[in-house]
Amino acid sequence: MPKPHGAAVATSRSRAAARRAEPAATPAAFQPLRRSKLYELVVSRVVDAILAGEHPPGSLLPSEDDLRQRYGVGRLAVREALLALERLGITAFVPGIGIQVVVPTPAQLVDGLDPGVLHYLAHAEGGHTQLREVRRAIEVDIVRLATERATDAQMLAIEDALRQGERTIDDRPRYLEADRAFHFAIGVAAGNPVFAAFQTAVRRWIESFPATRVHVPGSDARSHRDHQGIFAAMRARNADMAAARMAAHLAVDYSFEGKLRRIRQAEQKGG
């Protein structure tokens, strides 16, 4: 049975009054959290607030108590979230001041991948080959950029690393240091810190494989000759040639089987 017109009007007015009496909707970033893994949700909300400009780099986050009340979670969830934010490089603890919002460096972001990447590589079939392919792709582009962008001072740094390699060809540990220095100097000269961070990390991951520690006789001398050719192309500002020579340099099979094959070949030539 339909309501009388007066009753309908009264109901409509009461609903409107109820809506006016309701508190304003709480922004999503400040709503209490009611799901599992609360600290991860706190991290997500804090990051959202940072990206929205509420906490710009250099500013301080609210205190633990403020965050706990804002998100409706316990002290443990807040503390775990703050530790996670620091591990991510998003915040830093400043003694006597508080938790400060910072901008992470590319190296910090990439270094944070270490545990997961190493775990993957330890169990993934063909992981070493995958990394070699990644390294080759990265360093080919890096040397191309470095050839185009390197300053005179950066070219000198690359040449210094090259000379260090020449002096240490017969000293395996020291030659490896010189080899790293040569590639690192090229990475710096590329002028892209993200590239440089991945370059350093990928090499570190590759060197975690035991097979990379198997030494092939004559390999350091061959590596040094490759470096000389790469640097000659860079000094001539020939980016295409430098890229091609870097690609050839990193195309060598560094798997355990590849190293054994080259050891046998070296023995056959020597015999």
C-alpha atoms as a PDB file:
ATOM      1  CA  MET A   1       0.000   0.000   0.000  1.00  0.00           C
ATOM      2  CA  PRO A   2       1.556   3.342  -1.034  1.00  0.00           C
ATOM      3  CA  LYS A   3       2.496   5.784   1.698  1.00  0.00           C
ATOM      4  CA  PRO A   4       0.547   9.032   2.007  1.00  0.00           C
ATOM      5  CA  HIS A   5       2.240  11.971   0.293  1.00  0.00           C
ATOM      6  CA  GLY A   6       2.988  13.662   3.646  1.00  0.00           C
ATOM      7  CA  ALA A   7       4.649  10.542   5.015  1.00  0.00           C
ATOM      8  CA  ALA A   8       6.815  10.227   1.889  1.00  0.00           C
ATOM      9  CA  VAL A   9       7.961  13.841   2.213  1.00  0.00           C
ATOM     10  CA  ALA A  10       8.785  13.305   5.894  1.00  0.00           C
ATOM     11  CA  THR A  11      10.790  10.172   5.081  1.00  0.00           C
ATOM     12  CA  SER A  12      12.713  12.018   2.373  1.00  0.00           C
ATOM     13  CA  ARG A  13      13.504  14.869   4.753  1.00  0.00           C
ATOM     14  CA  SER A  14      14.655  12.467   7.477  1.00  0.00           C
ATOM     15  CA  ARG A  15      16.995  10.717   5.037  1.00  0.00           C
ATOM     16  CA  ALA A  16      18.459  14.039   3.907  1.00  0.00           C
ATOM     17  CA  ALA A  17      18.967  15.068   7.524  1.00  0.00           C
ATOM     18  CA  ALA A  18      20.667  11.764   8.261  1.00  0.00           C
ATOM     19  CA  ARG A  19      23.012  12.282   5.334  1.00  0.00           C
ATOM     20  CA  ARG A  20      23.885  15.767   6.579  1.00  0.00           C
ATOM     21  CA  ALA A  21      24.564  14.372  10.031  1.00  0.00           C
ATOM     22  CA  GLU A  22      26.983  11.736   8.689  1.00  0.00           C
ATOM     23  CA  PRO A  23      30.662  12.622   9.072  1.00  0.00           C
ATOM     24  CA  ALA A  24      32.585  13.416   5.914  1.00  0.00           C
ATOM     25  CA  ALA A  25      34.012  10.388   4.127  1.00  0.00           C
ATOM     26  CA  THR A  26      37.499   9.525   5.299  1.00  0.00           C
ATOM     27  CA  PRO A  27      40.093   9.638   2.505  1.00  0.00           C
ATOM     28  CA  ALA A  28      41.234   6.167   1.444  1.00  0.00           C
ATOM     29  CA  ALA A  29      44.773   6.899   2.609  1.00  0.00           C
ATOM     30  CA  PHE A  30      43.545   7.409   6.201  1.00  0.00           C
ATOM     31  CA  GLN A  31      40.990   4.627   6.550  1.00  0.00           C
ATOM     32  CA  PRO A  32      41.658   1.979   9.234  1.00  0.00           C
ATOM     33  CA  LEU A  33      43.130  -1.241   7.893  1.00  0.00           C
ATOM     34  CA  ARG A  34      41.330  -4.512   8.553  1.00  0.00           C
ATOM     35  CA  ARG A  35      43.227  -7.121   6.536  1.00  0.00           C
ATOM     36  CA  SER A  36      46.119  -9.521   7.141  1.00  0.00           C
ATOM     37  CA  LYS A  37      49.738  -8.441   6.746  1.00  0.00           C
ATOM     38  CA  LEU A  38      48.861  -5.042   8.080  1.00  0.00           C
ATOM     39  CA  TYR A  39      52.394  -3.714   7.897  1.00  0.00           C
ATOM     40  CA  GLU A  40      52.394  -4.176   4.106  1.00  0.00           C
ATOM     41  CA  LEU A  41      49.183  -2.203   3.872  1.00  0.00           C
ATOM     42  CA  VAL A  42      50.652   0.521   6.073  1.00  0.00           C
ATOM     43  CA  VAL A  43      53.639   0.666   3.727  1.00  0.00           C
ATOM     44  CA  SER A  44      51.286   0.988   0.767  1.00  0.00           C
ATOM     45  CA  ARG A  45      49.298   3.811   2.391  1.00  0.00           C
ATOM     46  CA  VAL A  46      52.403   5.710   3.465  1.00  0.00           C
ATOM     47  CA  VAL A  47      53.891   5.410  -0.024  1.00  0.00           C
ATOM     48  CA  ASP A  48      50.596   6.653  -1.500  1.00  0.00           C
ATOM     49  CA  ALA A  49      50.759   9.659   0.811  1.00  0.00           C
ATOM     50  CA  ILE A  50      54.367  10.342  -0.188  1.00  0.00           C
ATOM     51  CA  LEU A  51      53.566  10.107  -3.898  1.00  0.00           C
ATOM     52  CA  ALA A  52      50.580  12.414  -3.367  1.00  0.00           C
ATOM     53  CA  GLY A  53      52.951  15.050  -1.987  1.00  0.00           C
ATOM     54  CA  GLU A  54      51.827  14.880   1.626  1.00  0.00           C
ATOM     55  CA  HIS A  55      55.349  13.949   2.740  1.00  0.00           C
ATOM     56  CA  PRO A  56      57.875  15.387   0.252  1.00  0.00           C
ATOM     57  CA  PRO A  57      61.545  14.336   0.321  1.00  0.00           C
ATOM     58  CA  GLY A  58      63.268  15.866   3.324  1.00  0.00           C
ATOM     59  CA  SER A  59      60.131  15.989   5.452  1.00  0.00           C
ATOM     60  CA  LEU A  60      59.463  13.834   8.497  1.00  0.00           C
ATOM     61  CA  LEU A  61      56.840  11.130   8.729  1.00  0.00           C
ATOM     62  CA  PRO A  62      54.298  11.333  11.545  1.00  0.00           C
ATOM     63  CA  SER A  63      55.283   9.635  14.791  1.00  0.00           C
ATOM     64  CA  GLU A  64      54.595   5.960  15.463  1.00  0.00           C
ATOM     65  CA  ASP A  65      51.606   6.869  17.615  1.00  0.00           C
ATOM     66  CA  ASP A  66      50.174   9.172  14.942  1.00  0.00           C
ATOM     67  CA  LEU A  67      50.523   6.481  12.275  1.00  0.00           C
ATOM     68  CA  ARG A  68      48.995   3.871  14.577  1.00  0.00           C
ATOM     69  CA  GLN A  69      45.951   6.043  15.245  1.00  0.00           C
ATOM     70  CA  ARG A  70      45.640   7.170  11.644  1.00  0.00           C
ATOM     71  CA  TYR A  71      45.514   3.640  10.250  1.00  0.00           C
ATOM     72  CA  GLY A  72      43.902   1.886  13.183  1.00  0.00           C
ATOM     73  CA  VAL A  73      46.661  -0.703  13.591  1.00  0.00           C
ATOM     74  CA  GLY A  74      48.927  -1.846  16.388  1.00  0.00           C
ATOM     75  CA  ARG A  75      52.391  -0.628  17.257  1.00  0.00           C
ATOM     76  CA  LEU A  76      54.038  -3.764  15.811  1.00  0.00           C
ATOM     77  CA  ALA A  77      52.492  -3.248  12.377  1.00  0.00           C
ATOM     78  CA  VAL A  78      53.706   0.363  12.317  1.00  0.00           C
ATOM     79  CA  ARG A  79      57.237  -0.578  13.354  1.00  0.00           C
ATOM     80  CA  GLU A  80      57.441  -3.344  10.737  1.00  0.00           C
ATOM     81  CA  ALA A  81      56.188  -0.887   8.111  1.00  0.00           C
ATOM     82  CA  LEU A  82      58.813   1.690   9.063  1.00  0.00           C
ATOM     83  CA  LEU A  83      61.560  -0.928   8.843  1.00  0.00           C
ATOM     84  CA  ALA A  84      60.283  -2.005   5.426  1.00  0.00           C
ATOM     85  CA  LEU A  85      60.230   1.602   4.182  1.00  0.00           C
ATOM     86  CA  GLU A  86      63.820   2.043   5.314  1.00  0.00           C
ATOM     87  CA  ARG A  87      64.901  -1.165   3.567  1.00  0.00           C
ATOM     88  CA  LEU A  88      63.250   0.088   0.394  1.00  0.00           C
ATOM     89  CA  GLY A  89      65.309   3.275   0.600  1.00  0.00           C
ATOM     90  CA  ILE A  90      62.206   5.455   0.911  1.00  0.00           C
ATOM     91  CA  THR A  91      62.919   6.672   4.436  1.00  0.00           C
ATOM     92  CA  ALA A  92      65.914   7.006   6.728  1.00  0.00           C
ATOM     93  CA  PHE A  93      66.119   7.232  10.499  1.00  0.00           C
ATOM     94  CA  VAL A  94      67.775  10.468  11.639  1.00  0.00           C
ATOM     95  CA  PRO A  95      68.877  10.195  15.298  1.00  0.00           C
ATOM     96  CA  GLY A  96      67.230  12.793  17.489  1.00  0.00           C
ATOM     97  CA  ILE A  97      64.933  13.943  14.693  1.00  0.00           C
ATOM     98  CA  GLY A  98      62.758  11.120  13.378  1.00  0.00           C
ATOM     99  CA  ILE A  99      61.939   9.204  10.205  1.00  0.00           C
ATOM    100  CA  GLN A 100      62.808  11.306   7.164  1.00  0.00           C
ATOM    101  CA  VAL A 101      61.544  10.787   3.626  1.00  0.00           C
ATOM    102  CA  VAL A 102      64.446  10.380   1.212  1.00  0.00           C
ATOM    103  CA  VAL A 103      64.936   9.672  -2.488  1.00  0.00           C
ATOM    104  CA  PRO A 104      66.640   6.289  -2.957  1.00  0.00           C
ATOM    105  CA  THR A 105      69.579   6.010  -5.314  1.00  0.00           C
ATOM    106  CA  PRO A 106      69.395   3.584  -8.251  1.00  0.00           C
ATOM    107  CA  ALA A 107      72.098   1.488  -6.567  1.00  0.00           C
ATOM    108  CA  GLN A 108      69.995   1.180  -3.399  1.00  0.00           C
ATOM    109  CA  LEU A 109      66.970   0.053  -5.393  1.00  0.00           C
ATOM    110  CA  VAL A 110      68.896  -2.531  -7.391  1.00  0.00           C
ATOM    111  CA  ASP A 111      70.900  -3.793  -4.410  1.00  0.00           C
ATOM    112  CA  GLY A 112      67.622  -4.554  -2.681  1.00  0.00           C
ATOM    113  CA  LEU A 113      66.985  -7.213  -5.333  1.00  0.00           C
ATOM    114  CA  ASP A 114      70.016  -9.274  -4.282  1.00  0.00           C
ATOM    115  CA  PRO A 115      68.333 -11.864  -2.009  1.00  0.00           C
ATOM    116  CA  GLY A 116      65.510 -12.626  -4.431  1.00  0.00           C
ATOM    117  CA  VAL A 117      67.722 -12.684  -7.517  1.00  0.00           C
ATOM    118  CA  LEU A 118      70.342 -14.930  -5.919  1.00  0.00           C
ATOM    119  CA  HIS A 119      67.638 -17.303  -4.698  1.00  0.00           C
ATOM    120  CA  TYR A 120      66.142 -17.431  -8.197  1.00  0.00           C
ATOM    121  CA  LEU A 121      69.485 -18.021  -9.859  1.00  0.00           C
ATOM    122  CA  ALA A 122      70.383 -20.781  -7.414  1.00  0.00           C
ATOM    123  CA  HIS A 123      67.326 -22.767  -8.492  1.00  0.00           C
ATOM    124  CA  ALA A 124      66.583 -21.621 -12.053  1.00  0.00           C
ATOM    125  CA  GLU A 125      67.900 -23.740 -14.873  1.00  0.00           C
ATOM    126  CA  GLY A 126      70.035 -21.676 -17.234  1.00  0.00           C
ATOM    127  CA  GLY A 127      70.243 -18.750 -14.813  1.00  0.00           C
ATOM    128  CA  HIS A 128      73.889 -18.068 -15.573  1.00  0.00           C
ATOM    129  CA  THR A 129      73.221 -17.910 -19.311  1.00  0.00           C
ATOM    130  CA  GLN A 130      70.275 -15.580 -18.715  1.00  0.00           C
ATOM    131  CA  LEU A 131      72.442 -13.205 -16.718  1.00  0.00           C
ATOM    132  CA  ARG A 132      75.162 -13.209 -19.359  1.00  0.00           C
ATOM    133  CA  GLU A 133      72.594 -12.227 -21.983  1.00  0.00           C
ATOM    134  CA  VAL A 134      71.328  -9.429 -19.743  1.00  0.00           C
ATOM    135  CA  ARG A 135      74.839  -8.191 -19.071  1.00  0.00           C
ATOM    136  CA  ARG A 136      75.682  -8.170 -22.758  1.00  0.00           C
ATOM    137  CA  ALA A 137      72.560  -6.183 -23.653  1.00  0.00           C
ATOM    138  CA  ILE A 138      73.178  -3.642 -20.889  1.00  0.00           C
ATOM    139  CA  GLU A 139      76.879  -3.121 -21.491  1.00  0.00           C
ATOM    140  CA  VAL A 140      76.529  -2.761 -25.251  1.00  0.00           C
ATOM    141  CA  ASP A 141      74.171   0.177 -24.758  1.00  0.00           C
ATOM    142  CA  ILE A 142      76.333   1.534 -21.938  1.00  0.00           C
ATOM    143  CA  VAL A 143      79.481   1.655 -24.058  1.00  0.00           C
ATOM    144  CA  ARG A 144      77.570   3.280 -26.890  1.00  0.00           C
ATOM    145  CA  LEU A 145      76.342   6.059 -24.578  1.00  0.00           C
ATOM    146  CA  ALA A 146      79.750   6.401 -22.936  1.00  0.00           C
ATOM    147  CA  THR A 147      81.441   6.823 -26.308  1.00  0.00           C
ATOM    148  CA  GLU A 148      79.083   9.674 -27.129  1.00  0.00           C
ATOM    149  CA  ARG A 149      79.003  11.329 -23.705  1.00  0.00           C
ATOM    150  CA  ALA A 150      82.321  10.716 -21.940  1.00  0.00           C
ATOM    151  CA  THR A 151      84.253  13.791 -20.861  1.00  0.00           C
ATOM    152  CA  ASP A 152      88.010  13.977 -21.288  1.00  0.00           C
ATOM    153  CA  ALA A 153      88.423  13.218 -17.577  1.00  0.00           C
ATOM    154  CA  GLN A 154      86.192  10.159 -17.875  1.00  0.00           C
ATOM    155  CA  MET A 155      88.156   8.923 -20.887  1.00  0.00           C
ATOM    156  CA  LEU A 156      91.322   9.227 -18.796  1.00  0.00           C
ATOM    157  CA  ALA A 157      89.717   7.183 -16.015  1.00  0.00           C
ATOM    158  CA  ILE A 158      88.862   4.431 -18.508  1.00  0.00           C
ATOM    159  CA  GLU A 159      92.402   4.524 -19.882  1.00  0.00           C
ATOM    160  CA  ASP A 160      93.858   4.325 -16.360  1.00  0.00           C
ATOM    161  CA  ALA A 161      91.816   1.170 -15.695  1.00  0.00           C
ATOM    162  CA  LEU A 162      93.023  -0.242 -19.014  1.00  0.00           C
ATOM    163  CA  ARG A 163      96.659   0.340 -18.034  1.00  0.00           C
ATOM    164  CA  GLN A 164      96.025  -1.215 -14.644  1.00  0.00           C
ATOM    165  CA  GLY A 165      94.826  -4.314 -16.460  1.00  0.00           C
ATOM    166  CA  GLU A 166      97.940  -4.429 -18.607  1.00  0.00           C
ATOM    167  CA  ARG A 167     100.147  -4.344 -15.510  1.00  0.00           C
ATOM    168  CA  THR A 168      98.255  -7.159 -13.788  1.00  0.00           C
ATOM    169  CA  ILE A 169      97.591  -9.698 -16.564  1.00  0.00           C
ATOM    170  CA  ASP A 170      99.731 -12.275 -14.738  1.00  0.00           C
ATOM    171  CA  ASP A 171      98.099 -11.617 -11.368  1.00  0.00           C
ATOM    172  CA  ARG A 172      94.579 -13.045 -11.531  1.00  0.00           C
ATOM    173  CA  PRO A 173      92.996 -11.359  -8.454  1.00  0.00           C
ATOM    174  CA  ARG A 174      94.437  -7.952  -9.348  1.00  0.00           C
ATOM    175  CA  TYR A 175      93.471  -8.332 -12.994  1.00  0.00           C
ATOM    176  CA  LEU A 176      89.873  -9.003 -11.987  1.00  0.00           C
ATOM    177  CA  GLU A 177      89.919  -5.749 -10.008  1.00  0.00           C
ATOM    178  CA  ALA A 178      91.242  -3.926 -13.062  1.00  0.00           C
ATOM    179  CA  ASP A 179      88.618  -5.576 -15.257  1.00  0.00           C
ATOM    180  CA  ARG A 180      85.855  -4.415 -12.940  1.00  0.00           C
ATOM    181  CA  ALA A 181      87.349  -0.919 -12.840  1.00  0.00           C
ATOM    182  CA  PHE A 182      87.425  -0.750 -16.655  1.00  0.00           C
ATOM    183  CA  HIS A 183      83.770  -1.691 -17.056  1.00  0.00           C
ATOM    184  CA  PHE A 184      82.716   0.466 -14.097  1.00  0.00           C
ATOM    185  CA  ALA A 185      84.488   3.531 -15.535  1.00  0.00           C
ATOM    186  CA  ILE A 186      82.612   3.024 -18.810  1.00  0.00           C
ATOM    187  CA  GLY A 187      79.361   2.761 -16.854  1.00  0.00           C
ATOM    188  CA  VAL A 188      80.036   6.055 -15.095  1.00  0.00           C
ATOM    189  CA  ALA A 189      80.889   7.740 -18.392  1.00  0.00           C
ATOM    190  CA  ALA A 190      77.520   6.706 -19.846  1.00  0.00           C
ATOM    191  CA  GLY A 191      75.936   9.299 -17.553  1.00  0.00           C
ATOM    192  CA  ASN A 192      72.990   7.108 -16.554  1.00  0.00           C
ATOM    193  CA  PRO A 193      73.082   5.990 -12.887  1.00  0.00           C
ATOM    194  CA  VAL A 194      70.313   3.435 -13.454  1.00  0.00           C
ATOM    195  CA  PHE A 195      72.372   1.721 -16.148  1.00  0.00           C
ATOM    196  CA  ALA A 196      75.445   1.846 -13.913  1.00  0.00           C
ATOM    197  CA  ALA A 197      73.551   0.319 -10.984  1.00  0.00           C
ATOM    198  CA  PHE A 198      72.270  -2.586 -13.055  1.00  0.00           C
ATOM    199  CA  GLN A 199      75.684  -3.049 -14.664  1.00  0.00           C
ATOM    200  CA  THR A 200      77.347  -3.432 -11.262  1.00  0.00           C
ATOM    201  CA  ALA A 201      74.604  -5.655  -9.851  1.00  0.00           C
ATOM    202  CA  VAL A 202      74.459  -8.010 -12.827  1.00  0.00           C
ATOM    203  CA  ARG A 203      78.206  -8.529 -12.700  1.00  0.00           C
ATOM    204  CA  ARG A 204      77.982  -9.197  -8.954  1.00  0.00           C
ATOM    205  CA  TRP A 205      75.244 -11.768  -9.566  1.00  0.00           C
ATOM    206  CA  ILE A 206      77.244 -13.457 -12.313  1.00  0.00           C
ATOM    207  CA  GLU A 207      80.293 -13.683 -10.080  1.00  0.00           C
ATOM    208  CA  SER A 208      78.219 -15.485  -7.455  1.00  0.00           C
ATOM    209  CA  PHE A 209      78.394 -18.577  -9.689  1.00  0.00           C
ATOM    210  CA  PRO A 210      81.261 -20.930  -8.786  1.00  0.00           C
ATOM    211  CA  ALA A 211      81.941 -21.514 -12.500  1.00  0.00           C
ATOM    212  CA  THR A 212      83.111 -17.931 -12.917  1.00  0.00           C
ATOM    213  CA  ARG A 213      85.998 -18.642 -10.566  1.00  0.00           C
ATOM    214  CA  VAL A 214      87.408 -21.330 -12.872  1.00  0.00           C
ATOM    215  CA  HIS A 215      90.365 -19.720 -14.635  1.00  0.00           C
ATOM    216  CA  VAL A 216      91.053 -20.440 -18.297  1.00  0.00           C
ATOM    217  CA  PRO A 217      94.738 -20.025 -19.243  1.00  0.00           C
ATOM    218  CA  GLY A 218      95.214 -17.030 -21.505  1.00  0.00           C
ATOM    219  CA  SER A 219      91.722 -15.637 -20.869  1.00  0.00           C
ATOM    220  CA  ASP A 220      92.964 -12.517 -19.092  1.00  0.00           C
ATOM    221  CA  ALA A 221      95.289 -11.641 -21.970  1.00  0.00           C
ATOM    222  CA  ARG A 222      92.425 -12.123 -24.428  1.00  0.00           C
ATOM    223  CA  SER A 223      90.151 -10.001 -22.237  1.00  0.00           C
ATOM    224  CA  HIS A 224      92.754  -7.237 -22.128  1.00  0.00           C
ATOM    225  CA  ARG A 225      93.092  -7.237 -25.914  1.00  0.00           C
ATOM    226  CA  ASP A 226      89.325  -6.867 -26.138  1.00  0.00           C
ATOM    227  CA  HIS A 227      89.492  -3.937 -23.738  1.00  0.00           C
ATOM    228  CA  GLN A 228      92.156  -2.273 -25.865  1.00  0.00           C
ATOM    229  CA  GLY A 229      89.959  -2.556 -28.941  1.00  0.00           C
ATOM    230  CA  ILE A 230      86.916  -1.222 -27.118  1.00  0.00           C
ATOM    231  CA  PHE A 231      88.824   1.757 -25.779  1.00  0.00           C
ATOM    232  CA  ALA A 232      90.369   2.530 -29.182  1.00  0.00           C
ATOM    233  CA  ALA A 233      86.862   2.769 -30.657  1.00  0.00           C
ATOM    234  CA  MET A 234      85.711   4.922 -27.750  1.00  0.00           C
ATOM    235  CA  ARG A 235      88.660   7.286 -28.100  1.00  0.00           C
ATOM    236  CA  ALA A 236      87.829   7.634 -31.812  1.00  0.00           C
ATOM    237  CA  ARG A 237      84.212   8.418 -30.745  1.00  0.00           C
ATOM    238  CA  ASN A 238      82.979   5.554 -32.918  1.00  0.00           C
ATOM    239  CA  ALA A 239      79.965   4.378 -30.915  1.00  0.00           C
ATOM    240  CA  ASP A 240      78.929   1.651 -33.369  1.00  0.00           C
ATOM    241  CA  MET A 241      82.384   0.090 -33.361  1.00  0.00           C
ATOM    242  CA  ALA A 242      82.667   0.301 -29.574  1.00  0.00           C
ATOM    243  CA  ALA A 243      79.264  -1.384 -29.211  1.00  0.00           C
ATOM    244  CA  ALA A 244      80.174  -4.153 -31.664  1.00  0.00           C
ATOM    245  CA  ARG A 245      83.454  -4.833 -29.878  1.00  0.00           C
ATOM    246  CA  MET A 246      81.784  -4.913 -26.476  1.00  0.00           C
ATOM    247  CA  ALA A 247      79.177  -7.357 -27.817  1.00  0.00           C
ATOM    248  CA  ALA A 248      81.936  -9.636 -29.114  1.00  0.00           C
ATOM    249  CA  HIS A 249      83.856  -9.303 -25.852  1.00  0.00           C
ATOM    250  CA  LEU A 250      80.863 -10.447 -23.789  1.00  0.00           C
ATOM    251  CA  ALA A 251      79.770 -13.187 -26.194  1.00  0.00           C
ATOM    252  CA  VAL A 252      82.282 -15.646 -24.715  1.00  0.00           C
ATOM    253  CA  ASP A 253      80.666 -18.661 -23.052  1.00  0.00           C
ATOM    254  CA  TYR A 254      81.419 -18.330 -19.351  1.00  0.00           C
ATOM    255  CA  SER A 255      79.398 -21.355 -18.299  1.00  0.00           C
ATOM    256  CA  PHE A 256      81.285 -24.149 -16.575  1.00  0.00           C
ATOM    257  CA  GLU A 257      81.036 -26.308 -19.686  1.00  0.00           C
ATOM    258  CA  GLY A 258      82.232 -23.433 -21.856  1.00  0.00           C
ATOM    259  CA  LYS A 259      85.231 -22.872 -19.636  1.00  0.00           C
ATOM    260  CA  LEU A 260      86.133 -26.567 -19.684  1.00  0.00           C
ATOM    261  CA  ARG A 261      85.912 -26.533 -23.478  1.00  0.00           C
ATOM    262  CA  ARG A 262      88.260 -23.554 -23.706  1.00  0.00           C
ATOM    263  CA  ILE A 263      90.659 -25.119 -21.218  1.00  0.00           C
ATOM    264  CA  ARG A 264      90.875 -28.236 -23.418  1.00  0.00           C
ATOM    265  CA  GLN A 265      91.403 -26.076 -26.504  1.00  0.00           C
ATOM    266  CA  ALA A 266      94.204 -24.173 -24.755  1.00  0.00           C
ATOM    267  CA  GLU A 267      95.836 -27.456 -23.685  1.00  0.00           C
ATOM    268  CA  GLN A 268      95.648 -28.834 -27.209  1.00  0.00           C
ATOM    269  CA  LYS A 269      97.303 -25.735 -28.626  1.00  0.00           C
ATOM    270  CA  GLY A 270      99.987 -25.880 -25.956  1.00  0.00           C
ATOM    271  CA  GLY A 271     100.610 -29.562 -26.564  1.00  0.00           C
END
